[in-house]
């Protein structure tokens, strides 16, 4: 029993740390907003296209990621941010509503480490991570999606046209329920792009 308690302490301490830190950040932002211009931030899919290579549809995309003041303050206070790229493969139908045949979600974690003064970008799907000296270089890396496998062409109907769409968002589901409720009412955390759509080349 004692071993289980010891194993869960780091998780509990991290959850408490994130909750307390986010509360301090949000309260501090509310005070500073009276004296500073608050940056709202925005996310945008600037371009996206896919190519069929060896039977697999591969995605290249460019994203514009600008963090809001609150998200930036949270990041610099040691709170990791999760940025999610969502993809949908849609089968076009002539006489019925189009059908959603596949969905793909790729999550990236952006973290700032004050001791080393480095920004860490981690692909939560693959586990791969990179380290950057500046936030600009970290966000620039996040915004360059290259050679991302989307779907095997054999899984798609051969006689039907398809379209693909993508969007990028700041994901808050990893935070506690009280914080998620607070984020819902704060526009600074509603960072989500419009869908960017294109025809799937077969």
Protein backbone atom coordinates (compact mmCIF):
# COMPACT_ATOMS: atom_id res chain seq x y z
CA UNK A 1 0.00 0.00 0.00
CA UNK A 2 2.81 2.41 0.82
CA UNK A 3 4.38 1.89 -2.62
CA UNK A 4 1.17 2.99 -4.32
CA UNK A 5 1.02 6.18 -2.23
CA UNK A 6 4.60 7.06 -3.14
CA UNK A 7 4.01 6.49 -6.86
CA UNK A 8 0.99 8.79 -6.93
CA UNK A 9 2.53 11.70 -5.05
CA UNK A 10 4.36 13.23 -8.06
CA UNK A 11 1.13 13.16 -10.09
CA UNK A 12 -0.85 14.79 -7.29
CA UNK A 13 1.84 17.40 -6.68
CA UNK A 14 1.96 18.25 -10.38
CA UNK A 15 -1.81 18.64 -10.55
CA UNK A 16 -1.80 20.95 -7.51
CA UNK A 17 1.11 22.93 -8.95
CA UNK A 18 -0.67 23.44 -12.28
CA UNK A 19 -3.92 24.44 -10.57
CA UNK A 20 -2.25 26.95 -8.24
CA UNK A 21 -0.02 28.35 -10.99
CA UNK A 22 -2.94 28.83 -13.39
CA UNK A 23 -4.96 30.59 -10.69
CA UNK A 24 -2.08 32.99 -9.99
CA UNK A 25 -1.56 33.60 -13.71
CA UNK A 26 -5.24 34.34 -14.33
CA UNK A 27 -5.52 36.67 -11.37
CA UNK A 28 -2.32 38.45 -12.34
CA UNK A 29 -3.52 38.86 -15.91
CA UNK A 30 -6.75 40.42 -14.69
CA UNK A 31 -4.77 43.03 -12.76
CA UNK A 32 -2.27 43.76 -15.52
CA UNK A 33 -4.98 44.04 -18.14
CA UNK A 34 -5.89 47.46 -16.74
CA UNK A 35 -2.44 48.83 -17.59
CA UNK A 36 -1.37 46.79 -20.59
CA UNK A 37 -2.72 46.00 -24.02
CA UNK A 38 -3.81 42.37 -23.85
CA UNK A 39 -2.87 40.28 -26.87
CA UNK A 40 -5.77 38.04 -27.83
CA UNK A 41 -3.74 35.66 -29.98
CA UNK A 42 -4.95 33.65 -32.95
CA UNK A 43 -4.40 30.32 -34.72
CA UNK A 44 -4.62 29.87 -38.49
CA UNK A 45 -4.02 27.11 -41.02
CA UNK A 46 -2.30 29.13 -43.72
CA UNK A 47 -1.87 26.29 -46.22
CA UNK A 48 -2.32 22.53 -46.41
CA UNK A 49 -2.04 19.87 -49.09
CA UNK A 50 -1.70 16.12 -49.33
CA UNK A 51 0.15 13.77 -51.66
CA UNK A 52 -0.22 10.05 -52.26
CA UNK A 53 3.13 8.36 -51.61
CA UNK A 54 3.48 4.57 -51.59
CA UNK A 55 -0.23 4.14 -50.98
CA UNK A 56 -0.42 6.58 -48.08
CA UNK A 57 -1.77 10.13 -48.14
CA UNK A 58 0.90 12.45 -46.69
CA UNK A 59 0.18 15.95 -45.33
CA UNK A 60 2.24 19.13 -45.53
CA UNK A 61 0.81 22.20 -43.79
CA UNK A 62 1.79 25.63 -42.51
CA UNK A 63 0.24 26.96 -39.32
CA UNK A 64 0.26 30.47 -37.84
CA UNK A 65 0.36 30.23 -34.04
CA UNK A 66 0.15 33.42 -31.96
CA UNK A 67 -0.38 32.91 -28.23
CA UNK A 68 -2.64 35.18 -26.21
CA UNK A 69 -1.23 37.11 -23.25
CA UNK A 70 -2.80 34.71 -20.74
CA UNK A 71 -1.52 31.60 -22.52
CA UNK A 72 1.94 33.16 -22.81
CA UNK A 73 1.97 34.07 -19.11
CA UNK A 74 0.93 30.54 -18.21
CA UNK A 75 3.64 29.05 -20.42
CA UNK A 76 6.35 31.26 -18.93
CA UNK A 77 5.13 30.32 -15.45
CA UNK A 78 5.83 26.66 -16.12
CA UNK A 79 2.43 25.45 -17.32
CA UNK A 80 2.67 23.26 -20.46
CA UNK A 81 0.34 24.11 -23.34
CA UNK A 82 -1.20 21.50 -25.63
CA UNK A 83 -1.68 22.41 -29.29
CA UNK A 84 -3.80 19.99 -31.31
CA UNK A 85 -4.01 19.54 -35.08
CA UNK A 86 -7.29 17.94 -36.15
CA UNK A 87 -7.86 16.32 -39.55
CA UNK A 88 -11.02 14.93 -41.14
CA UNK A 89 -11.31 12.81 -44.28
CA UNK A 90 -14.76 13.32 -45.81
CA UNK A 91 -16.35 11.18 -48.54
CA UNK A 92 -18.32 13.30 -51.01
CA UNK A 93 -21.77 11.93 -51.83
CA UNK A 94 -24.02 13.18 -54.60
CA UNK A 95 -27.52 12.61 -53.22
CA UNK A 96 -26.85 12.39 -49.48
CA UNK A 97 -24.93 14.32 -46.89
CA UNK A 98 -21.17 13.87 -47.10
CA UNK A 99 -19.80 11.13 -44.84
CA UNK A 100 -16.99 11.49 -42.32
CA UNK A 101 -14.83 8.43 -43.04
CA UNK A 102 -11.79 9.16 -40.84
CA UNK A 103 -10.48 11.52 -38.18
CA UNK A 104 -6.93 12.11 -37.03
CA UNK A 105 -5.66 14.15 -34.10
CA UNK A 106 -2.02 15.07 -33.51
CA UNK A 107 -1.14 16.71 -30.19
CA UNK A 108 1.95 18.73 -29.39
CA UNK A 109 3.02 19.91 -25.95
CA UNK A 110 4.83 23.23 -25.62
CA UNK A 111 6.75 23.69 -22.38
CA UNK A 112 9.13 26.34 -21.04
CA UNK A 113 11.89 25.32 -18.63
CA UNK A 114 13.12 28.38 -16.69
CA UNK A 115 16.33 26.76 -15.39
CA UNK A 116 17.68 26.02 -18.87
CA UNK A 117 15.67 28.85 -20.50
CA UNK A 118 14.65 26.44 -23.26
CA UNK A 119 11.33 25.79 -24.97
CA UNK A 120 10.46 22.12 -25.44
CA UNK A 121 8.17 20.93 -28.23
CA UNK A 122 6.98 17.35 -27.74
CA UNK A 123 4.87 15.30 -30.14
CA UNK A 124 2.49 13.52 -27.76
CA UNK A 125 1.57 10.97 -30.44
CA UNK A 126 5.11 9.82 -31.23
CA UNK A 127 7.02 10.98 -28.15
CA UNK A 128 9.59 12.86 -30.25
CA UNK A 129 10.74 16.18 -28.81
CA UNK A 130 12.98 19.13 -29.73
CA UNK A 131 14.49 21.97 -27.72
CA UNK A 132 14.59 25.63 -28.79
CA UNK A 133 16.24 28.77 -27.44
CA UNK A 134 13.34 31.10 -28.27
CA UNK A 135 9.55 30.95 -28.32
CA UNK A 136 9.59 32.17 -31.92
CA UNK A 137 11.66 29.20 -33.09
CA UNK A 138 9.52 26.77 -31.08
CA UNK A 139 6.26 28.08 -32.57
CA UNK A 140 7.82 28.19 -36.02
CA UNK A 141 8.71 24.51 -35.67
CA UNK A 142 5.19 23.72 -34.48
CA UNK A 143 3.79 25.53 -37.48
CA UNK A 144 5.67 23.40 -40.02
CA UNK A 145 3.84 20.10 -40.50
CA UNK A 146 5.78 17.93 -42.93
CA UNK A 147 5.37 14.37 -44.20
CA UNK A 148 2.57 13.53 -41.76
CA UNK A 149 0.78 10.25 -42.66
CA UNK A 150 -2.98 10.82 -42.76
CA UNK A 151 -4.63 7.66 -44.12
CA UNK A 152 -3.92 4.57 -46.20
CA UNK A 153 -5.53 4.91 -49.62
CA UNK A 154 -6.68 1.27 -49.44
CA UNK A 155 -9.10 2.27 -46.66
CA UNK A 156 -10.92 4.68 -48.97
CA UNK A 157 -13.57 3.85 -51.58
CA UNK A 158 -11.87 3.74 -54.97
CA UNK A 159 -14.86 5.18 -56.87
CA UNK A 160 -15.63 8.12 -54.59
CA UNK A 161 -14.14 11.61 -54.35
CA UNK A 162 -12.85 12.81 -50.99
CA UNK A 163 -12.04 16.11 -49.38
CA UNK A 164 -9.85 16.75 -46.35
CA UNK A 165 -10.01 19.55 -43.83
CA UNK A 166 -7.73 20.63 -41.01
CA UNK A 167 -7.80 23.00 -38.07
CA UNK A 168 -5.52 23.76 -35.13
CA UNK A 169 -6.53 24.65 -31.56
CA UNK A 170 -5.24 25.25 -28.07
CA UNK A 171 -6.48 22.21 -26.15
CA UNK A 172 -7.52 22.63 -22.51
CA UNK A 173 -8.97 19.19 -21.77
CA UNK A 174 -5.85 18.19 -19.81
CA UNK A 175 -6.59 20.76 -17.10
CA UNK A 176 -8.89 20.27 -14.12
CA UNK A 177 -12.66 20.74 -14.50
CA UNK A 178 -12.76 24.11 -12.62
CA UNK A 179 -10.04 25.53 -14.90
CA UNK A 180 -11.75 24.22 -18.04
CA UNK A 181 -14.95 25.94 -16.97
CA UNK A 182 -13.04 29.17 -16.40
CA UNK A 183 -11.32 28.90 -19.79
CA UNK A 184 -14.71 28.44 -21.47
CA UNK A 185 -15.67 31.99 -20.51
CA UNK A 186 -12.30 33.58 -21.36
CA UNK A 187 -11.72 34.42 -25.01
CA UNK A 188 -7.94 34.46 -24.49
CA UNK A 189 -8.06 30.66 -24.23
CA UNK A 190 -10.42 30.11 -27.18
CA UNK A 191 -7.62 29.78 -29.70
CA UNK A 192 -8.94 27.79 -32.64
CA UNK A 193 -8.52 28.25 -36.37
CA UNK A 194 -11.18 27.91 -39.03
CA UNK A 195 -11.25 24.70 -41.05
CA UNK A 196 -8.92 24.68 -44.06
CA UNK A 197 -10.22 22.38 -46.78
CA UNK A 198 -8.86 20.81 -49.96
CA UNK A 199 -9.61 17.97 -52.39
CA UNK A 200 -7.84 14.67 -51.79
CA UNK A 201 -5.74 13.71 -54.81
CA UNK A 202 -5.97 10.01 -55.75
